[in-house]
Protein backbone atom coordinates (compact mmCIF):
# COMPACT_ATOMS: atom_id res chain seq x y z
CA MET A 1 0.11 0.17 -0.26
CA LYS A 2 2.76 2.66 0.81
CA SER A 3 4.50 2.06 -2.56
CA THR A 4 0.94 2.76 -4.58
CA LYS A 5 0.45 6.02 -2.38
CA SER A 6 4.45 6.92 -3.09
CA THR A 7 3.90 6.30 -6.92
CA LYS A 8 1.48 7.86 -8.31
CA PRO A 9 -1.89 9.14 -6.57
CA THR A 10 -5.43 9.06 -7.72
CA LYS A 11 -5.04 10.74 -11.06
CA PRO A 12 -5.02 7.77 -13.28
CA ALA A 13 -8.26 6.23 -11.53
CA LYS A 14 -10.01 9.85 -11.47
CA ARG A 15 -9.37 10.12 -15.39
CA ARG A 16 -10.75 6.40 -15.79
CA GLN A 17 -13.93 6.79 -13.99
CA ALA A 18 -14.40 10.19 -16.39
CA LEU A 19 -13.92 8.30 -18.91
CA THR A 20 -16.10 5.84 -17.99
CA GLY A 21 -18.63 8.00 -16.83
CA ARG A 22 -18.37 10.19 -20.14
CA ALA A 23 -19.01 6.90 -22.06
CA GLU A 24 -22.21 5.39 -20.21
CA ALA A 25 -23.44 9.15 -20.81
CA ALA A 26 -23.25 8.82 -24.43
CA GLU A 27 -24.56 5.05 -24.27
CA CYS A 28 -27.93 7.21 -22.91
CA GLY A 29 -28.00 9.92 -25.37
CA GLU A 30 -27.29 12.53 -22.69
CA PRO A 31 -27.64 15.44 -22.82
CA TRP A 32 -31.01 15.66 -24.48
CA GLU A 33 -31.49 17.77 -27.81
CA ARG A 34 -34.93 18.91 -26.52
CA GLU A 35 -37.35 17.90 -23.97
CA GLU A 36 -41.17 18.17 -23.75
CA ARG A 37 -43.52 18.46 -20.61
CA LEU A 38 -47.19 16.44 -20.73
CA ALA A 39 -49.06 17.08 -17.69
CA ALA A 40 -52.70 15.26 -17.05
CA PRO A 41 -52.90 16.15 -13.44
CA PRO A 42 -52.24 14.11 -10.99
CA LEU A 43 -49.45 13.00 -13.68
CA GLU A 44 -46.70 14.30 -15.53
CA LEU A 45 -44.11 13.28 -18.17
CA THR A 46 -41.02 14.68 -19.62
CA LEU A 47 -40.22 13.47 -22.84
CA HIS A 48 -36.31 13.64 -23.33
CA TRP A 49 -35.58 13.87 -27.07
CA ARG A 50 -32.12 12.72 -28.97
CA GLY A 51 -31.54 11.89 -32.75
CA GLY A 52 -35.07 11.45 -33.15
CA GLN A 53 -35.11 8.43 -30.75
CA LEU A 54 -37.00 9.01 -26.89
CA VAL A 55 -33.83 8.16 -24.89
CA ARG A 56 -35.68 8.89 -21.42
CA LEU A 57 -39.13 9.58 -19.84
CA THR A 58 -39.42 11.30 -16.35
CA LEU A 59 -42.49 10.66 -14.30
CA GLY A 60 -43.63 12.43 -11.62
CA ARG A 61 -47.05 14.20 -9.99
CA ALA A 62 -48.47 17.25 -11.32
CA GLU A 63 -50.40 19.71 -9.16
CA ALA A 64 -53.80 20.96 -10.66
CA THR A 65 -53.63 24.44 -9.66
CA SER A 66 -49.67 24.97 -11.36
CA ALA A 67 -49.28 22.25 -14.24
CA PRO A 68 -49.89 23.79 -17.85
CA GLN A 69 -52.11 20.98 -19.64
CA SER A 70 -52.12 22.24 -23.04
CA LEU A 71 -48.92 21.69 -25.47
CA PRO A 72 -47.01 24.13 -27.15
CA PRO A 73 -48.01 25.08 -30.80
CA ASP A 74 -44.31 23.23 -31.47
CA ALA A 75 -44.88 20.09 -29.89
CA SER A 76 -44.44 16.88 -32.06
CA SER A 77 -47.05 14.73 -33.04
CA GLU A 78 -45.72 11.83 -30.19
CA ALA A 79 -46.14 13.96 -27.68
CA ARG A 80 -49.33 15.26 -28.29
CA ALA A 81 -50.77 11.34 -28.68
CA ALA A 82 -48.70 10.38 -25.52
CA HIS A 83 -50.22 13.58 -23.78
CA GLN A 84 -54.19 12.09 -24.88
CA ALA A 85 -53.34 8.70 -23.60
CA LEU A 86 -51.97 10.42 -20.40
CA ALA A 87 -55.23 12.32 -19.81
CA ARG A 88 -57.29 9.46 -20.48
CA LEU A 89 -55.11 7.50 -18.10
CA ALA A 90 -55.88 10.01 -15.71
CA ALA A 91 -59.42 9.73 -15.95
CA GLY A 92 -59.39 6.58 -15.05
CA GLN A 93 -60.40 5.30 -18.84
CA ALA A 94 -58.96 2.73 -20.80
CA VAL A 95 -55.88 3.46 -22.60
CA ARG A 96 -53.07 2.21 -24.76
CA PHE A 97 -50.06 4.52 -25.06
CA PRO A 98 -48.55 4.95 -28.41
CA ASP A 99 -45.70 3.54 -30.00
CA LEU A 100 -42.76 5.80 -29.50
CA PRO A 101 -39.28 5.48 -31.07
CA LEU A 102 -37.58 4.20 -27.90
CA CYS A 103 -33.94 4.07 -27.82
CA TRP A 104 -33.96 0.19 -27.07
CA GLU A 105 -29.90 0.18 -28.10
CA ALA A 106 -28.89 2.21 -25.14
CA LEU A 107 -29.95 -0.97 -23.07
CA PRO A 108 -27.47 -3.83 -22.29
CA PRO A 109 -29.80 -6.77 -24.01
CA PHE A 110 -30.90 -8.58 -21.04
CA THR A 111 -32.38 -5.78 -19.72
CA ALA A 112 -33.97 -4.62 -23.57
CA HIS A 113 -35.49 -8.32 -23.72
CA ILE A 114 -37.33 -8.10 -20.31
CA LEU A 115 -38.41 -4.27 -20.91
CA ARG A 116 -39.62 -5.98 -24.29
CA THR A 117 -41.37 -8.29 -22.61
CA LEU A 118 -43.29 -6.66 -20.07
CA LEU A 119 -44.12 -4.39 -22.57
CA GLU A 120 -45.74 -6.54 -24.87
CA ARG A 121 -46.84 -9.55 -22.65
CA VAL A 122 -48.44 -7.45 -19.82
CA PRO A 123 -51.33 -5.44 -20.41
CA SER A 124 -53.05 -2.53 -18.79
CA GLY A 125 -55.02 -3.40 -15.23
CA CYS A 126 -53.08 -7.07 -15.01
CA THR A 127 -49.60 -7.02 -12.89
CA VAL A 128 -47.01 -10.05 -12.75
CA THR A 129 -44.54 -10.56 -9.94
CA TYR A 130 -40.62 -10.60 -10.73
CA GLY A 131 -40.63 -14.29 -10.58
CA GLU A 132 -43.55 -14.51 -12.80
CA LEU A 133 -42.01 -12.03 -15.47
CA ALA A 134 -38.61 -13.67 -15.58
CA ALA A 135 -40.25 -17.00 -16.20
CA LEU A 136 -42.47 -14.72 -19.47
CA ALA A 137 -38.96 -13.92 -20.75
CA GLY A 138 -37.78 -17.59 -20.44
CA HIS A 139 -35.47 -16.94 -17.57
CA PRO A 140 -37.03 -18.59 -14.76
CA GLY A 141 -35.78 -18.25 -11.06
CA LYS A 142 -33.92 -14.67 -12.25
CA ALA A 143 -36.46 -12.74 -10.66
CA ARG A 144 -33.84 -10.51 -8.29
CA ALA A 145 -31.97 -9.88 -12.34
CA VAL A 146 -35.53 -8.88 -13.39
CA GLY A 147 -36.07 -7.02 -10.65
CA GLN A 148 -32.66 -5.21 -11.86
CA ALA A 149 -34.03 -4.26 -15.03
CA MET A 150 -36.92 -3.00 -13.46
CA ALA A 151 -34.78 -0.17 -11.69
CA ARG A 152 -33.01 0.44 -15.06
CA ASN A 153 -36.03 1.21 -16.73
CA PRO A 154 -35.76 4.43 -18.75
CA TRP A 155 -39.56 5.28 -19.64
CA PRO A 156 -41.47 4.41 -17.01
CA LEU A 157 -45.35 4.60 -17.26
CA ILE A 158 -44.48 3.91 -21.05
CA VAL A 159 -42.59 0.27 -20.49
CA PRO A 160 -44.81 -0.49 -17.31
CA CYS A 161 -42.59 -1.29 -14.94
CA HIS A 162 -45.09 -0.22 -12.24
CA ARG A 163 -47.28 -3.71 -12.97
CA VAL A 164 -44.50 -5.86 -11.42
CA LEU A 165 -44.90 -6.58 -7.77
CA GLY A 166 -43.01 -8.55 -5.17
CA ALA A 167 -43.96 -12.11 -4.17
CA GLY A 168 -47.17 -12.75 -3.19
CA GLY A 169 -48.37 -9.32 -4.97
CA ALA A 170 -46.67 -7.22 -2.54
CA LEU A 171 -45.86 -3.13 -3.61
CA THR A 172 -42.45 -3.50 -3.52
CA GLY A 173 -39.12 -1.79 -5.95
CA TYR A 174 -40.39 1.48 -6.97
CA THR A 175 -37.23 3.54 -7.85
CA ASN A 176 -39.38 6.52 -8.72
CA PRO A 177 -38.91 9.44 -6.45
CA HIS A 178 -42.39 9.29 -5.89
CA GLY A 179 -41.86 5.85 -4.56
CA LEU A 180 -44.52 3.17 -3.76
CA ASP A 181 -47.36 6.28 -4.08
CA LEU A 182 -46.86 6.45 -7.01
CA LYS A 183 -46.77 3.18 -7.94
CA ALA A 184 -50.21 2.21 -6.25
CA LEU A 185 -51.59 5.73 -7.61
CA LEU A 186 -51.05 4.28 -11.50
CA LEU A 187 -52.37 0.73 -10.49
CA VAL A 188 -55.58 2.32 -9.42
CA LEU A 189 -55.65 4.44 -12.15
CA GLU A 190 -56.03 1.43 -14.56
CA SER A 191 -57.93 0.08 -12.62
CA GLY A 192 -60.36 2.27 -13.89
CA GLN A 193 -60.59 4.81 -11.04
CA GLY A 194 -59.94 8.17 -12.14
CA ALA A 195 -57.97 10.45 -9.71
CA LYS A 196 -59.29 11.35 -6.50
CA ASP A 197 -58.83 14.52 -4.95
């Protein structure tokens, strides 16, 4: 340890870390080229675009008194379609979000496969456990790895990780800053109940 400290401090390690961080940012499509904010209280989505692809979504809560509910004139057609779907969901109506140009290639293959399986095989109004989703994706016994894939989901709501529950249907494992309260709200809205004041 003494020889390590006396020769070169930590600059090479810091440099490698910085380079790795930049590489990861490039893979994730950062910085964004543009953002579009959609609000349909109690929900809000921000679409992050790069090169014509949706690289990330930010999902949050919107207050009816402060969140704008109309889109600007230059909003993209994808944003308008997603906004209509978001408004229907907020009202507790049946909804299917539009097919958006998601940047799948930015994800590790296993994560992309699990998220695609969720998107294609678990419709609105249905839920699965992590173990059940693992089996659906052809990886039985990999519930923990599925949980990690859910945590990496860059498109919450559109790729519905809120429909994945813990063993026995427990409400667990939602990494959104609004936590399990938001996950529970999404499931209530998808069950056909509108937002309650």
